[in-house]
Every structure is written in C-alpha cells, then in structure tokens.
Amino acid sequence: MNKAERRLTARQREVVRLVGEGLSNKQIAGRMDISENGVKRHLASLFAKYGVESRAALVHHAAADLGEVSEEVKLFQLLRATLADVLGQPATDVLLRRAAGRERRLPGEAREGEEASVPLAELMDHLWQLLFDMTGDVVLRKLEHVGFAGGGEGPRARVRP
C-alpha cells in the first residue's frame, strides 16, 4: 500500500499520536471522548492499513505518514510503545521517568521556552542499565527482537552488562 492509499483521518492520526504517547485504550477513549470499542475499531483499522500486529509497530510505521515529529521523537514513541507492550503502561512510565531523571523532560515533551528534553542517546544509556539491573535479560531480548539495543553504538549494538 503506497503512502497515498494510507492517508489517515484526523481521528486516526490522533489515535496513533496517543498510542505513541503510551496511552491505554481507556486513556485514549477518555481523551478523544469516544468509547473503548471505538478506539479498538480505530486500532484494528490502522493495524490492517499498515499490516502490523502491535501498537509499537503501528507507531513505527505510521510515523513516516504523520511527518509531524523529529526522528528522535519517533524513535522514542516506538520505544515507549514497545516497553508498554512488554511491561505495561504504568511500569513503562516509571521506568522512563527514572531513566530521564525526575527533573528532565522526555523526548517530545518539552514545550516552547522550556529546557530541552533529555537527548534520546542519553536516555537510552540510562534505560539500558536500568533494564539490565531490574529485569535481567528477559525484556532486553524482547526489545532487541523488535530492533532496539543499547550501548550507544547504533541500532544493533550489543547491550552491555
């Protein structure tokens, strides 16, 4: 399916954006003032449109069509969605906040006039160490399976203990 065939409606764009922020179906429904079943219908349609089976893959594939955010924010959204698929949203939020530092913004959260968000490379360095310390290699293997790896040497770098 080419890009023209994948044009997203305003509602679909909003669903993808909120999924990228790591929100649950219930949270998305509340933000959009629709039912959870409405969110599920949007997601099913988007999954079919992009030929994907997970929220993380949807965020990754739809990011190019949205074109509204930097590459760093797109990667961060994919990371957040992937972690939420594996760990659940509450644990993901705590983990990312801890990796960034309580006083620093996550990528894409900085508002105009505020200090810039923590650079993704720095966040990843802290995150990998936290993941290793907290979960051993179970989560790391799942994340590597979808294309993430730590160590700061590129997308396929090995995770350092």
C-alpha atoms as a PDB file:
ATOM      1  CA  MET A   1       0.000   0.000   0.000  1.00  0.00           C
ATOM      2  CA  ASN A   2       1.522   3.320  -1.007  1.00  0.00           C
ATOM      3  CA  LYS A   3       1.503   6.465   1.100  1.00  0.00           C
ATOM      4  CA  ALA A   4      -1.454   7.993  -0.768  1.00  0.00           C
ATOM      5  CA  GLU A   5      -3.522   4.875  -0.032  1.00  0.00           C
ATOM      6  CA  ARG A   6      -2.665   5.143   3.686  1.00  0.00           C
ATOM      7  CA  ARG A   7      -3.893   8.671   4.285  1.00  0.00           C
ATOM      8  CA  LEU A   8      -5.084   8.915   7.849  1.00  0.00           C
ATOM      9  CA  THR A   9      -8.206  10.632   9.040  1.00  0.00           C
ATOM     10  CA  ALA A  10      -7.843  13.230  11.792  1.00  0.00           C
ATOM     11  CA  ARG A  11      -9.177  10.685  14.304  1.00  0.00           C
ATOM     12  CA  GLN A  12      -6.734   8.015  13.163  1.00  0.00           C
ATOM     13  CA  ARG A  13      -3.858  10.495  13.424  1.00  0.00           C
ATOM     14  CA  GLU A  14      -4.936  11.305  16.968  1.00  0.00           C
ATOM     15  CA  VAL A  15      -5.152   7.607  17.882  1.00  0.00           C
ATOM     16  CA  VAL A  16      -1.640   6.988  16.532  1.00  0.00           C
ATOM     17  CA  ARG A  17      -0.301  10.040  18.372  1.00  0.00           C
ATOM     18  CA  LEU A  18      -1.852   8.914  21.660  1.00  0.00           C
ATOM     19  CA  VAL A  19      -0.630   5.339  21.197  1.00  0.00           C
ATOM     20  CA  GLY A  20       2.810   6.841  20.616  1.00  0.00           C
ATOM     21  CA  GLU A  21       2.496   8.641  23.938  1.00  0.00           C
ATOM     22  CA  GLY A  22       1.923   5.243  25.518  1.00  0.00           C
ATOM     23  CA  LEU A  23      -1.726   5.684  26.477  1.00  0.00           C
ATOM     24  CA  SER A  24      -4.004   2.689  27.035  1.00  0.00           C
ATOM     25  CA  ASN A  25      -7.239   2.206  25.084  1.00  0.00           C
ATOM     26  CA  LYS A  26      -9.175   3.501  28.091  1.00  0.00           C
ATOM     27  CA  GLN A  27      -6.999   6.615  28.325  1.00  0.00           C
ATOM     28  CA  ILE A  28      -7.275   7.243  24.578  1.00  0.00           C
ATOM     29  CA  ALA A  29     -11.054   6.859  24.755  1.00  0.00           C
ATOM     30  CA  GLY A  30     -11.182   9.424  27.561  1.00  0.00           C
ATOM     31  CA  ARG A  31      -9.005  11.915  25.693  1.00  0.00           C
ATOM     32  CA  MET A  32     -10.939  11.546  22.462  1.00  0.00           C
ATOM     33  CA  ASP A  33     -14.356  11.317  24.118  1.00  0.00           C
ATOM     34  CA  ILE A  34     -15.181   8.022  22.409  1.00  0.00           C
ATOM     35  CA  SER A  35     -15.798   4.501  23.707  1.00  0.00           C
ATOM     36  CA  GLU A  36     -13.037   1.963  24.240  1.00  0.00           C
ATOM     37  CA  ASN A  37     -14.678  -0.090  21.478  1.00  0.00           C
ATOM     38  CA  GLY A  38     -14.308   2.955  19.212  1.00  0.00           C
ATOM     39  CA  VAL A  39     -10.588   3.031  19.994  1.00  0.00           C
ATOM     40  CA  LYS A  40     -10.369  -0.701  19.295  1.00  0.00           C
ATOM     41  CA  ARG A  41     -12.088  -0.193  15.917  1.00  0.00           C
ATOM     42  CA  HIS A  42      -9.642   2.596  15.017  1.00  0.00           C
ATOM     43  CA  LEU A  43      -6.711   0.388  16.047  1.00  0.00           C
ATOM     44  CA  ALA A  44      -7.988  -2.601  14.071  1.00  0.00           C
ATOM     45  CA  SER A  45      -8.358  -0.409  11.004  1.00  0.00           C
ATOM     46  CA  LEU A  46      -4.878   1.054  11.482  1.00  0.00           C
ATOM     47  CA  PHE A  47      -3.310  -2.363  12.073  1.00  0.00           C
ATOM     48  CA  ALA A  48      -4.869  -3.577   8.814  1.00  0.00           C
ATOM     49  CA  LYS A  49      -3.883  -0.419   6.938  1.00  0.00           C
ATOM     50  CA  TYR A  50      -0.215  -0.815   7.929  1.00  0.00           C
ATOM     51  CA  GLY A  51      -0.142  -4.609   8.020  1.00  0.00           C
ATOM     52  CA  VAL A  52       1.095  -4.671  11.623  1.00  0.00           C
ATOM     53  CA  GLU A  53       0.104  -6.621  14.727  1.00  0.00           C
ATOM     54  CA  SER A  54       1.305  -4.463  17.620  1.00  0.00           C
ATOM     55  CA  ARG A  55       0.958  -0.925  18.893  1.00  0.00           C
ATOM     56  CA  ALA A  56       4.731  -0.446  18.716  1.00  0.00           C
ATOM     57  CA  ALA A  57       4.836  -1.494  15.062  1.00  0.00           C
ATOM     58  CA  LEU A  58       1.896   0.802  14.304  1.00  0.00           C
ATOM     59  CA  VAL A  59       3.678   3.804  15.819  1.00  0.00           C
ATOM     60  CA  HIS A  60       6.834   2.958  13.908  1.00  0.00           C
ATOM     61  CA  HIS A  61       5.140   2.506  10.527  1.00  0.00           C
ATOM     62  CA  ALA A  62       2.665   5.385  10.851  1.00  0.00           C
ATOM     63  CA  ALA A  63       5.320   7.867  11.981  1.00  0.00           C
ATOM     64  CA  ALA A  64       6.515   8.420   8.421  1.00  0.00           C
ATOM     65  CA  ASP A  65       2.979   9.289   7.310  1.00  0.00           C
ATOM     66  CA  LEU A  66       2.435  11.681  10.212  1.00  0.00           C
ATOM     67  CA  GLY A  67       5.608  13.640   9.490  1.00  0.00           C
ATOM     68  CA  GLU A  68       4.997  15.997  12.421  1.00  0.00           C
ATOM     69  CA  VAL A  69       7.745  14.978  14.805  1.00  0.00           C
ATOM     70  CA  SER A  70      11.507  14.636  14.710  1.00  0.00           C
ATOM     71  CA  GLU A  71      13.192  11.305  14.111  1.00  0.00           C
ATOM     72  CA  GLU A  72      14.279  11.289  17.748  1.00  0.00           C
ATOM     73  CA  VAL A  73      10.694  11.678  18.965  1.00  0.00           C
ATOM     74  CA  LYS A  74       9.501   8.982  16.537  1.00  0.00           C
ATOM     75  CA  LEU A  75      12.107   6.585  17.898  1.00  0.00           C
ATOM     76  CA  PHE A  76      11.182   7.494  21.450  1.00  0.00           C
ATOM     77  CA  GLN A  77       7.493   6.867  20.720  1.00  0.00           C
ATOM     78  CA  LEU A  78       8.355   3.463  19.288  1.00  0.00           C
ATOM     79  CA  LEU A  79      10.454   2.688  22.350  1.00  0.00           C
ATOM     80  CA  ARG A  80       7.666   3.782  24.713  1.00  0.00           C
ATOM     81  CA  ALA A  81       5.036   1.737  22.871  1.00  0.00           C
ATOM     82  CA  THR A  82       7.317  -1.317  22.790  1.00  0.00           C
ATOM     83  CA  LEU A  83       8.050  -1.073  26.501  1.00  0.00           C
ATOM     84  CA  ALA A  84       4.335  -0.670  27.231  1.00  0.00           C
ATOM     85  CA  ASP A  85       3.598  -3.817  25.177  1.00  0.00           C
ATOM     86  CA  VAL A  86       6.123  -5.743  27.271  1.00  0.00           C
ATOM     87  CA  LEU A  87       5.895  -4.143  30.711  1.00  0.00           C
ATOM     88  CA  GLY A  88       2.517  -2.396  30.777  1.00  0.00           C
ATOM     89  CA  GLN A  89       1.984   1.350  30.755  1.00  0.00           C
ATOM     90  CA  PRO A  90       2.414   2.177  34.470  1.00  0.00           C
ATOM     91  CA  ALA A  91       5.759   0.361  34.701  1.00  0.00           C
ATOM     92  CA  THR A  92       6.892   1.946  31.432  1.00  0.00           C
ATOM     93  CA  ASP A  93       6.083   5.443  32.684  1.00  0.00           C
ATOM     94  CA  VAL A  94       8.007   4.863  35.919  1.00  0.00           C
ATOM     95  CA  LEU A  95      10.969   3.345  34.108  1.00  0.00           C
ATOM     96  CA  LEU A  96      11.251   6.128  31.520  1.00  0.00           C
ATOM     97  CA  ARG A  97      10.853   8.849  34.129  1.00  0.00           C
ATOM     98  CA  ARG A  98      13.563   7.213  36.237  1.00  0.00           C
ATOM     99  CA  ALA A  99      15.898   6.883  33.223  1.00  0.00           C
ATOM    100  CA  ALA A 100      15.370  10.536  32.245  1.00  0.00           C
ATOM    101  CA  GLY A 101      15.674  11.909  35.755  1.00  0.00           C
ATOM    102  CA  ARG A 102      12.717  13.392  37.564  1.00  0.00           C
ATOM    103  CA  GLU A 103      13.534  16.970  36.596  1.00  0.00           C
ATOM    104  CA  ARG A 104      14.074  16.364  32.870  1.00  0.00           C
ATOM    105  CA  ARG A 105      11.526  16.106  30.078  1.00  0.00           C
ATOM    106  CA  LEU A 106      11.214  13.028  27.905  1.00  0.00           C
ATOM    107  CA  PRO A 107      11.691  13.443  24.125  1.00  0.00           C
ATOM    108  CA  GLY A 108       8.732  15.260  22.630  1.00  0.00           C
ATOM    109  CA  GLU A 109       7.527  16.644  25.991  1.00  0.00           C
ATOM    110  CA  ALA A 110       9.468  19.917  26.101  1.00  0.00           C
ATOM    111  CA  ARG A 111       7.305  22.958  25.465  1.00  0.00           C
ATOM    112  CA  GLU A 112       8.439  26.199  23.881  1.00  0.00           C
ATOM    113  CA  GLY A 113      10.518  28.245  26.310  1.00  0.00           C
ATOM    114  CA  GLU A 114      11.359  25.231  28.484  1.00  0.00           C
ATOM    115  CA  GLU A 115      14.642  23.402  28.787  1.00  0.00           C
ATOM    116  CA  ALA A 116      15.088  20.841  26.018  1.00  0.00           C
ATOM    117  CA  SER A 117      14.212  17.238  26.709  1.00  0.00           C
ATOM    118  CA  VAL A 118      16.817  14.665  27.622  1.00  0.00           C
ATOM    119  CA  PRO A 119      18.610  13.517  24.440  1.00  0.00           C
ATOM    120  CA  LEU A 120      17.451  10.085  23.320  1.00  0.00           C
ATOM    121  CA  ALA A 121      21.003   8.667  23.332  1.00  0.00           C
ATOM    122  CA  GLU A 122      21.462   9.716  26.956  1.00  0.00           C
ATOM    123  CA  LEU A 123      18.037   8.358  27.893  1.00  0.00           C
ATOM    124  CA  MET A 124      18.869   5.046  26.222  1.00  0.00           C
ATOM    125  CA  ASP A 125      22.164   4.732  28.099  1.00  0.00           C
ATOM    126  CA  HIS A 126      20.361   5.154  31.420  1.00  0.00           C
ATOM    127  CA  LEU A 127      17.440   2.988  30.342  1.00  0.00           C
ATOM    128  CA  TRP A 128      19.540   0.020  29.266  1.00  0.00           C
ATOM    129  CA  GLN A 129      21.359  -0.040  32.559  1.00  0.00           C
ATOM    130  CA  LEU A 130      18.069   0.202  34.474  1.00  0.00           C
ATOM    131  CA  LEU A 131      16.523  -2.578  32.411  1.00  0.00           C
ATOM    132  CA  PHE A 132      19.501  -4.801  32.959  1.00  0.00           C
ATOM    133  CA  ASP A 133      19.601  -4.058  36.679  1.00  0.00           C
ATOM    134  CA  MET A 134      15.858  -4.571  37.157  1.00  0.00           C
ATOM    135  CA  THR A 135      14.870  -7.338  34.784  1.00  0.00           C
ATOM    136  CA  GLY A 136      17.951  -9.174  33.661  1.00  0.00           C
ATOM    137  CA  ASP A 137      17.945 -10.065  30.005  1.00  0.00           C
ATOM    138  CA  VAL A 138      14.294 -11.108  29.501  1.00  0.00           C
ATOM    139  CA  VAL A 139      12.990  -7.654  28.489  1.00  0.00           C
ATOM    140  CA  LEU A 140      16.217  -6.793  26.705  1.00  0.00           C
ATOM    141  CA  ARG A 141      15.871  -9.809  24.425  1.00  0.00           C
ATOM    142  CA  LYS A 142      12.281  -8.869  23.584  1.00  0.00           C
ATOM    143  CA  LEU A 143      13.321  -5.299  22.770  1.00  0.00           C
ATOM    144  CA  GLU A 144      16.274  -6.450  20.690  1.00  0.00           C
ATOM    145  CA  HIS A 145      13.857  -8.696  18.789  1.00  0.00           C
ATOM    146  CA  VAL A 146      11.969  -5.583  17.592  1.00  0.00           C
ATOM    147  CA  GLY A 147      15.145  -3.679  16.733  1.00  0.00           C
ATOM    148  CA  PHE A 148      16.289  -1.879  19.866  1.00  0.00           C
ATOM    149  CA  ALA A 149      19.638  -2.402  21.532  1.00  0.00           C
ATOM    150  CA  GLY A 150      21.678  -0.348  23.957  1.00  0.00           C
ATOM    151  CA  GLY A 151      25.265   0.600  24.373  1.00  0.00           C
ATOM    152  CA  GLY A 152      25.264   3.802  22.312  1.00  0.00           C
ATOM    153  CA  GLU A 153      26.940   2.278  19.231  1.00  0.00           C
ATOM    154  CA  GLY A 154      23.973   2.277  16.871  1.00  0.00           C
ATOM    155  CA  PRO A 155      20.668   0.486  16.447  1.00  0.00           C
ATOM    156  CA  ARG A 156      22.103  -3.045  16.595  1.00  0.00           C
ATOM    157  CA  ALA A 157      24.735  -2.521  19.296  1.00  0.00           C
ATOM    158  CA  ARG A 158      25.026  -5.165  21.981  1.00  0.00           C
ATOM    159  CA  VAL A 159      23.669  -4.477  25.425  1.00  0.00           C
ATOM    160  CA  ARG A 160      26.399  -4.010  27.966  1.00  0.00           C
ATOM    161  CA  PRO A 161      26.009  -5.664  31.392  1.00  0.00           C
END
